Amino acid sequence: VTMVDAEWMRAQTRDGTEGIIPMSYLERIDIEGDENPTWETIEKFMASTAKKARATFPFDGQAEDGELTFAVDEILVIEEQRDDWYVGRNSRGERGLFPVAYVELILDA
């Protein structure tokens, strides 16, 4: 991530795509002790500070495997992360596993 000017920043996505984005689209997150964090560090930090997520895709979990079912835009409460899965509860209070890639974290303002 580098500053282009006072209003624009050059950044790189997780998949390596690089581009220029307006500063107004970003929120600065300071990760103590890490001036150049990796995506893995950023994702772990986000998971540790977020308690809620919004489903960006529907997920039809397999109950026998301990998975959680939810609909798009459903708000989920995250309890913990296990590799590429979260453990949490859906809006009906059901608890289970769901894929990290199916949700976006909601940070408290």
Protein backbone atom coordinates (compact mmCIF):
# COMPACT_ATOMS: atom_id res chain seq x y z
CA VAL A 1 0.00 0.00 0.00
CA THR A 2 1.43 3.36 -1.05
CA MET A 3 0.05 6.87 -1.12
CA VAL A 4 -0.42 8.36 -4.61
CA ASP A 5 -1.54 11.73 -3.24
CA ALA A 6 -3.77 13.04 -0.43
CA GLU A 7 -6.89 11.45 -1.92
CA TRP A 8 -5.67 8.26 -3.64
CA MET A 9 -3.80 5.12 -2.62
CA ARG A 10 -2.23 2.28 -4.61
CA ALA A 11 -3.09 -1.07 -3.06
CA GLN A 12 -2.95 -4.77 -3.80
CA THR A 13 -5.71 -7.33 -3.28
CA ARG A 14 -5.23 -10.77 -1.80
CA ASP A 15 -5.00 -12.29 -5.30
CA GLY A 16 -2.24 -9.86 -6.32
CA THR A 17 -4.33 -7.45 -8.41
CA GLU A 18 -2.99 -3.93 -8.01
CA GLY A 19 -4.78 -0.64 -8.56
CA ILE A 20 -5.53 2.86 -7.33
CA ILE A 21 -8.46 3.48 -5.00
CA PRO A 22 -9.90 6.60 -3.33
CA MET A 23 -8.92 7.08 0.31
CA SER A 24 -12.59 7.70 1.12
CA TYR A 25 -13.26 4.00 0.34
CA LEU A 26 -10.80 2.84 2.99
CA GLU A 27 -10.67 2.61 6.74
CA ARG A 28 -7.24 2.55 8.34
CA ILE A 29 -6.67 -0.34 10.71
CA ASP A 30 -3.54 -0.24 12.85
CA ILE A 31 -2.14 -3.63 13.75
CA GLU A 32 0.17 -2.99 16.67
CA GLY A 33 3.76 -3.98 16.03
CA ASP A 34 3.26 -4.75 12.33
CA GLU A 35 3.87 -1.92 9.85
CA ASN A 36 3.62 -4.20 6.79
CA PRO A 37 1.09 -6.93 7.64
CA THR A 38 0.40 -9.89 5.36
CA TRP A 39 -3.16 -10.77 4.26
CA GLU A 40 -3.11 -13.62 6.80
CA THR A 41 -2.23 -11.19 9.60
CA ILE A 42 -4.93 -8.75 8.47
CA GLU A 43 -7.59 -11.49 8.29
CA LYS A 44 -6.68 -12.81 11.76
CA PHE A 45 -6.84 -9.26 13.14
CA MET A 46 -10.23 -8.65 11.50
CA ALA A 47 -11.57 -11.94 12.86
CA SER A 48 -10.30 -11.15 16.35
CA THR A 49 -12.00 -7.73 16.43
CA ALA A 50 -15.26 -8.66 14.71
CA LYS A 51 -18.06 -10.40 16.45
CA LYS A 52 -20.57 -10.22 13.61
CA ALA A 53 -20.62 -11.00 9.91
CA ARG A 54 -23.09 -10.52 7.06
CA ALA A 55 -23.67 -13.45 4.71
CA THR A 56 -22.64 -12.55 1.15
CA PHE A 57 -23.76 -15.94 -0.20
CA PRO A 58 -26.37 -18.45 1.01
CA PHE A 59 -24.95 -21.54 2.70
CA ASP A 60 -26.83 -24.83 3.01
CA GLY A 61 -24.90 -26.39 5.87
CA GLN A 62 -24.84 -30.12 6.51
CA ALA A 63 -26.19 -30.50 10.06
CA GLU A 64 -24.58 -33.94 10.44
CA ASP A 65 -21.19 -32.26 9.87
CA GLY A 66 -21.93 -29.49 12.37
CA GLU A 67 -22.40 -26.85 9.67
CA LEU A 68 -24.69 -23.83 9.94
CA THR A 69 -27.32 -22.89 7.33
CA PHE A 70 -28.02 -19.23 6.51
CA ALA A 71 -29.39 -16.91 3.82
CA VAL A 72 -27.80 -13.97 2.00
CA ASP A 73 -27.65 -10.82 4.18
CA GLU A 74 -28.28 -12.80 7.36
CA ILE A 75 -26.27 -11.47 10.31
CA LEU A 76 -24.16 -14.13 12.02
CA VAL A 77 -22.43 -13.96 15.40
CA ILE A 78 -18.87 -15.27 15.26
CA GLU A 79 -17.51 -17.17 18.24
CA GLU A 80 -14.17 -18.39 16.86
CA GLN A 81 -12.19 -19.12 13.70
CA ARG A 82 -10.84 -22.54 12.68
CA ASP A 83 -8.67 -22.14 9.57
CA ASP A 84 -11.07 -21.28 6.68
CA TRP A 85 -14.20 -21.76 8.83
CA TYR A 86 -15.93 -19.74 11.52
CA VAL A 87 -17.94 -21.15 14.40
CA GLY A 88 -20.98 -19.05 15.18
CA ARG A 89 -24.72 -18.61 15.42
CA ASN A 90 -27.34 -17.62 12.84
CA SER A 91 -30.36 -15.37 13.44
CA ARG A 92 -32.36 -18.36 14.76
CA GLY A 93 -29.75 -19.09 17.44
CA GLU A 94 -28.52 -22.27 15.73
CA ARG A 95 -24.79 -22.90 16.17
CA GLY A 96 -22.33 -24.40 13.72
CA LEU A 97 -19.48 -24.05 11.24
CA PHE A 98 -19.58 -21.88 8.13
CA PRO A 99 -16.99 -20.89 5.50
CA VAL A 100 -15.07 -17.65 5.98
CA ALA A 101 -15.44 -16.91 2.23
CA TYR A 102 -19.27 -16.76 2.50
CA VAL A 103 -19.40 -13.76 4.85
CA GLU A 104 -18.04 -10.26 5.29
CA LEU A 105 -17.04 -9.07 8.73
CA ILE A 106 -18.93 -6.21 10.36
CA LEU A 107 -16.62 -4.02 12.41
CA ASP A 108 -18.00 -2.01 15.30
CA ALA A 109 -17.81 1.70 14.63
